[in-house]
Amino acid sequence: MEQIEQVRAAVVDALKARDIGRPVFWDDILEGRRDDTPFMVGALIWAEHVRAAAK
């Protein structure tokens, strides 16, 4: 799986591009305090799926 830091950064970039959330929320994601949110859970599942498909 991609490093979780990369997944967190990708999620924050996508949220910012869509104007979802605020800086404190984005910082929480980047620092790992929101790994249980639907955004992160979905992103982690997808990252694992992409990794498995590449094998």
PDB file of N, CA and C in Angstrom:
ATOM      1  N   MET A   1       0.854  -1.183   0.000  1.00  0.00           N
ATOM      2  CA  MET A   1       0.000   0.000   0.000  1.00  0.00           C
ATOM      3  C   MET A   1       0.890   1.233   0.000  1.00  0.00           C
ATOM      4  N   GLU A   2       0.402   2.258  -0.662  1.00  0.00           N
ATOM      5  CA  GLU A   2       1.134   3.516  -0.619  1.00  0.00           C
ATOM      6  C   GLU A   2       1.316   3.922   0.835  1.00  0.00           C
ATOM      7  N   GLN A   3       2.345   4.702   1.060  1.00  0.00           N
ATOM      8  CA  GLN A   3       2.515   5.189   2.415  1.00  0.00           C
ATOM      9  C   GLN A   3       1.293   6.016   2.782  1.00  0.00           C
ATOM     10  N   ILE A   4       0.874   5.865   4.013  1.00  0.00           N
ATOM     11  CA  ILE A   4      -0.346   6.542   4.450  1.00  0.00           C
ATOM     12  C   ILE A   4      -0.230   8.057   4.324  1.00  0.00           C
ATOM     13  N   GLU A   5       0.981   8.577   4.455  1.00  0.00           N
ATOM     14  CA  GLU A   5       1.172  10.022   4.299  1.00  0.00           C
ATOM     15  C   GLU A   5       0.810  10.479   2.892  1.00  0.00           C
ATOM     16  N   GLN A   6       1.123   9.653   1.898  1.00  0.00           N
ATOM     17  CA  GLN A   6       0.779   9.979   0.513  1.00  0.00           C
ATOM     18  C   GLN A   6      -0.730   9.955   0.314  1.00  0.00           C
ATOM     19  N   VAL A   7      -1.389   8.985   0.920  1.00  0.00           N
ATOM     20  CA  VAL A   7      -2.843   8.888   0.811  1.00  0.00           C
ATOM     21  C   VAL A   7      -3.484  10.097   1.485  1.00  0.00           C
ATOM     22  N   ARG A   8      -3.004  10.440   2.676  1.00  0.00           N
ATOM     23  CA  ARG A   8      -3.544  11.611   3.370  1.00  0.00           C
ATOM     24  C   ARG A   8      -3.385  12.872   2.531  1.00  0.00           C
ATOM     25  N   ALA A   9      -2.215  13.056   1.949  1.00  0.00           N
ATOM     26  CA  ALA A   9      -1.962  14.246   1.126  1.00  0.00           C
ATOM     27  C   ALA A   9      -2.877  14.273  -0.095  1.00  0.00           C
ATOM     28  N   ALA A  10      -3.092  13.125  -0.711  1.00  0.00           N
ATOM     29  CA  ALA A  10      -3.981  13.058  -1.874  1.00  0.00           C
ATOM     30  C   ALA A  10      -5.418  13.400  -1.490  1.00  0.00           C
ATOM     31  N   VAL A  11      -5.858  12.905  -0.337  1.00  0.00           N
ATOM     32  CA  VAL A  11      -7.217  13.211   0.138  1.00  0.00           C
ATOM     33  C   VAL A  11      -7.353  14.714   0.385  1.00  0.00           C
ATOM     34  N   VAL A  12      -6.385  15.300   1.050  1.00  0.00           N
ATOM     35  CA  VAL A  12      -6.449  16.743   1.332  1.00  0.00           C
ATOM     36  C   VAL A  12      -6.443  17.539   0.031  1.00  0.00           C
ATOM     37  N   ASP A  13      -5.602  17.160  -0.914  1.00  0.00           N
ATOM     38  CA  ASP A  13      -5.577  17.865  -2.202  1.00  0.00           C
ATOM     39  C   ASP A  13      -6.935  17.801  -2.892  1.00  0.00           C
ATOM     40  N   ALA A  14      -7.564  16.619  -2.865  1.00  0.00           N
ATOM     41  CA  ALA A  14      -8.874  16.459  -3.499  1.00  0.00           C
ATOM     42  C   ALA A  14      -9.948  17.278  -2.781  1.00  0.00           C
ATOM     43  N   LEU A  15      -9.905  17.301  -1.456  1.00  0.00           N
ATOM     44  CA  LEU A  15     -10.883  18.083  -0.702  1.00  0.00           C
ATOM     45  C   LEU A  15     -10.708  19.577  -0.971  1.00  0.00           C
ATOM     46  N   LYS A  16      -9.470  20.027  -0.996  1.00  0.00           N
ATOM     47  CA  LYS A  16      -9.202  21.447  -1.283  1.00  0.00           C
ATOM     48  C   LYS A  16      -9.684  21.820  -2.678  1.00  0.00           C
ATOM     49  N   ALA A  17      -9.427  20.960  -3.651  1.00  0.00           N
ATOM     50  CA  ALA A  17      -9.837  21.233  -5.031  1.00  0.00           C
ATOM     51  C   ALA A  17     -11.350  21.356  -5.151  1.00  0.00           C
ATOM     52  N   ARG A  18     -12.059  20.662  -4.260  1.00  0.00           N
ATOM     53  CA  ARG A  18     -13.526  20.696  -4.290  1.00  0.00           C
ATOM     54  C   ARG A  18     -14.107  21.660  -3.261  1.00  0.00           C
ATOM     55  N   ASP A  19     -13.227  22.386  -2.582  1.00  0.00           N
ATOM     56  CA  ASP A  19     -13.628  23.356  -1.558  1.00  0.00           C
ATOM     57  C   ASP A  19     -14.464  22.697  -0.452  1.00  0.00           C
ATOM     58  N   ILE A  20     -13.995  21.523  -0.011  1.00  0.00           N
ATOM     59  CA  ILE A  20     -14.651  20.791   1.066  1.00  0.00           C
ATOM     60  C   ILE A  20     -13.790  20.909   2.316  1.00  0.00           C
ATOM     61  N   GLY A  21     -14.367  21.363   3.385  1.00  0.00           N
ATOM     62  CA  GLY A  21     -13.650  21.476   4.642  1.00  0.00           C
ATOM     63  C   GLY A  21     -12.948  22.812   4.808  1.00  0.00           C
ATOM     64  N   ARG A  22     -12.204  22.874   5.885  1.00  0.00           N
ATOM     65  CA  ARG A  22     -11.462  24.084   6.250  1.00  0.00           C
ATOM     66  C   ARG A  22     -10.047  23.673   6.626  1.00  0.00           C
ATOM     67  N   PRO A  23      -9.146  24.650   6.706  1.00  0.00           N
ATOM     68  CA  PRO A  23      -7.742  24.315   7.002  1.00  0.00           C
ATOM     69  C   PRO A  23      -7.539  23.448   8.232  1.00  0.00           C
ATOM     70  N   VAL A  24      -8.277  23.663   9.288  1.00  0.00           N
ATOM     71  CA  VAL A  24      -8.076  22.839  10.488  1.00  0.00           C
ATOM     72  C   VAL A  24      -8.450  21.384  10.213  1.00  0.00           C
ATOM     73  N   PHE A  25      -9.485  21.151   9.420  1.00  0.00           N
ATOM     74  CA  PHE A  25      -9.896  19.790   9.033  1.00  0.00           C
ATOM     75  C   PHE A  25      -8.812  19.142   8.177  1.00  0.00           C
ATOM     76  N   TRP A  26      -8.287  19.883   7.211  1.00  0.00           N
ATOM     77  CA  TRP A  26      -7.225  19.359   6.350  1.00  0.00           C
ATOM     78  C   TRP A  26      -5.983  19.022   7.166  1.00  0.00           C
ATOM     79  N   ASP A  27      -5.637  19.899   8.107  1.00  0.00           N
ATOM     80  CA  ASP A  27      -4.478  19.628   8.972  1.00  0.00           C
ATOM     81  C   ASP A  27      -4.692  18.365   9.803  1.00  0.00           C
ATOM     82  N   ASP A  28      -5.917  18.191  10.303  1.00  0.00           N
ATOM     83  CA  ASP A  28      -6.231  16.979  11.071  1.00  0.00           C
ATOM     84  C   ASP A  28      -6.015  15.732  10.220  1.00  0.00           C
ATOM     85  N   ILE A  29      -6.431  15.781   8.967  1.00  0.00           N
ATOM     86  CA  ILE A  29      -6.233  14.636   8.080  1.00  0.00           C
ATOM     87  C   ILE A  29      -4.746  14.395   7.871  1.00  0.00           C
ATOM     88  N   LEU A  30      -4.012  15.432   7.553  1.00  0.00           N
ATOM     89  CA  LEU A  30      -2.573  15.288   7.297  1.00  0.00           C
ATOM     90  C   LEU A  30      -1.821  14.743   8.507  1.00  0.00           C
ATOM     91  N   GLU A  31      -2.291  15.079   9.696  1.00  0.00           N
ATOM     92  CA  GLU A  31      -1.616  14.657  10.918  1.00  0.00           C
ATOM     93  C   GLU A  31      -2.146  13.329  11.469  1.00  0.00           C
ATOM     94  N   GLY A  32      -3.106  12.717  10.760  1.00  0.00           N
ATOM     95  CA  GLY A  32      -3.584  11.390  11.137  1.00  0.00           C
ATOM     96  C   GLY A  32      -4.695  11.361  12.169  1.00  0.00           C
ATOM     97  N   ARG A  33      -5.259  12.507  12.482  1.00  0.00           N
ATOM     98  CA  ARG A  33      -6.340  12.533  13.479  1.00  0.00           C
ATOM     99  C   ARG A  33      -7.706  12.251  12.876  1.00  0.00           C
ATOM    100  N   ARG A  34      -7.777  12.070  11.569  1.00  0.00           N
ATOM    101  CA  ARG A  34      -9.060  11.809  10.899  1.00  0.00           C
ATOM    102  C   ARG A  34      -9.018  10.564  10.026  1.00  0.00           C
ATOM    103  N   ASP A  35      -8.183   9.610  10.392  1.00  0.00           N
ATOM    104  CA  ASP A  35      -8.060   8.396   9.581  1.00  0.00           C
ATOM    105  C   ASP A  35      -9.328   7.556   9.576  1.00  0.00           C
ATOM    106  N   ASP A  36     -10.262   7.840  10.468  1.00  0.00           N
ATOM    107  CA  ASP A  36     -11.500   7.064  10.526  1.00  0.00           C
ATOM    108  C   ASP A  36     -12.654   7.743   9.783  1.00  0.00           C
ATOM    109  N   THR A  37     -12.384   8.826   9.073  1.00  0.00           N
ATOM    110  CA  THR A  37     -13.446   9.488   8.311  1.00  0.00           C
ATOM    111  C   THR A  37     -13.717   8.730   7.020  1.00  0.00           C
ATOM    112  N   PRO A  38     -14.911   8.888   6.463  1.00  0.00           N
ATOM    113  CA  PRO A  38     -15.220   8.202   5.201  1.00  0.00           C
ATOM    114  C   PRO A  38     -14.240   8.554   4.084  1.00  0.00           C
ATOM    115  N   PHE A  39     -13.748   9.794   4.053  1.00  0.00           N
ATOM    116  CA  PHE A  39     -12.784  10.173   3.016  1.00  0.00           C
ATOM    117  C   PHE A  39     -11.532   9.312   3.094  1.00  0.00           C
ATOM    118  N   MET A  40     -10.986   9.161   4.289  1.00  0.00           N
ATOM    119  CA  MET A  40      -9.752   8.402   4.463  1.00  0.00           C
ATOM    120  C   MET A  40      -9.985   6.903   4.314  1.00  0.00           C
ATOM    121  N   VAL A  41     -11.065   6.389   4.869  1.00  0.00           N
ATOM    122  CA  VAL A  41     -11.339   4.957   4.764  1.00  0.00           C
ATOM    123  C   VAL A  41     -11.466   4.568   3.291  1.00  0.00           C
ATOM    124  N   GLY A  42     -12.224   5.344   2.548  1.00  0.00           N
ATOM    125  CA  GLY A  42     -12.379   5.072   1.121  1.00  0.00           C
ATOM    126  C   GLY A  42     -11.061   5.155   0.370  1.00  0.00           C
ATOM    127  N   ALA A  43     -10.270   6.169   0.684  1.00  0.00           N
ATOM    128  CA  ALA A  43      -8.988   6.341   0.004  1.00  0.00           C
ATOM    129  C   ALA A  43      -8.032   5.199   0.326  1.00  0.00           C
ATOM    130  N   LEU A  44      -8.015   4.748   1.561  1.00  0.00           N
ATOM    131  CA  LEU A  44      -7.135   3.644   1.938  1.00  0.00           C
ATOM    132  C   LEU A  44      -7.559   2.338   1.267  1.00  0.00           C
ATOM    133  N   ILE A  45      -8.863   2.106   1.201  1.00  0.00           N
ATOM    134  CA  ILE A  45      -9.368   0.910   0.516  1.00  0.00           C
ATOM    135  C   ILE A  45      -8.997   0.967  -0.964  1.00  0.00           C
ATOM    136  N   TRP A  46      -9.166   2.117  -1.580  1.00  0.00           N
ATOM    137  CA  TRP A  46      -8.843   2.252  -2.997  1.00  0.00           C
ATOM    138  C   TRP A  46      -7.343   2.075  -3.236  1.00  0.00           C
ATOM    139  N   ALA A  47      -6.509   2.645  -2.381  1.00  0.00           N
ATOM    140  CA  ALA A  47      -5.058   2.488  -2.525  1.00  0.00           C
ATOM    141  C   ALA A  47      -4.664   1.018  -2.453  1.00  0.00           C
ATOM    142  N   GLU A  48      -5.288   0.273  -1.561  1.00  0.00           N
ATOM    143  CA  GLU A  48      -5.008  -1.160  -1.452  1.00  0.00           C
ATOM    144  C   GLU A  48      -5.488  -1.903  -2.697  1.00  0.00           C
ATOM    145  N   HIS A  49      -6.637  -1.521  -3.224  1.00  0.00           N
ATOM    146  CA  HIS A  49      -7.177  -2.134  -4.430  1.00  0.00           C
ATOM    147  C   HIS A  49      -6.231  -1.901  -5.618  1.00  0.00           C
ATOM    148  N   VAL A  50      -5.768  -0.679  -5.776  1.00  0.00           N
ATOM    149  CA  VAL A  50      -4.861  -0.342  -6.879  1.00  0.00           C
ATOM    150  C   VAL A  50      -3.549  -1.119  -6.733  1.00  0.00           C
ATOM    151  N   ARG A  51      -3.042  -1.215  -5.517  1.00  0.00           N
ATOM    152  CA  ARG A  51      -1.801  -1.953  -5.290  1.00  0.00           C
ATOM    153  C   ARG A  51      -1.977  -3.428  -5.655  1.00  0.00           C
ATOM    154  N   ALA A  52      -3.083  -4.016  -5.226  1.00  0.00           N
ATOM    155  CA  ALA A  52      -3.334  -5.433  -5.500  1.00  0.00           C
ATOM    156  C   ALA A  52      -3.523  -5.679  -7.007  1.00  0.00           C
ATOM    157  N   ALA A  53      -4.174  -4.753  -7.685  1.00  0.00           N
ATOM    158  CA  ALA A  53      -4.416  -4.909  -9.120  1.00  0.00           C
ATOM    159  C   ALA A  53      -3.126  -4.794  -9.931  1.00  0.00           C
ATOM    160  N   ALA A  54      -2.146  -4.103  -9.388  1.00  0.00           N
ATOM    161  CA  ALA A  54      -0.883  -3.912 -10.104  1.00  0.00           C
ATOM    162  C   ALA A  54       0.005  -5.149 -10.052  1.00  0.00           C
ATOM    163  N   LYS A  55      -0.326  -6.095  -9.202  1.00  0.00           N
ATOM    164  CA  LYS A  55       0.498  -7.313  -9.073  1.00  0.00           C
ATOM    165  C   LYS A  55       0.264  -8.263 -10.195  1.00  0.00           C
TER     166      LYS A  55
END
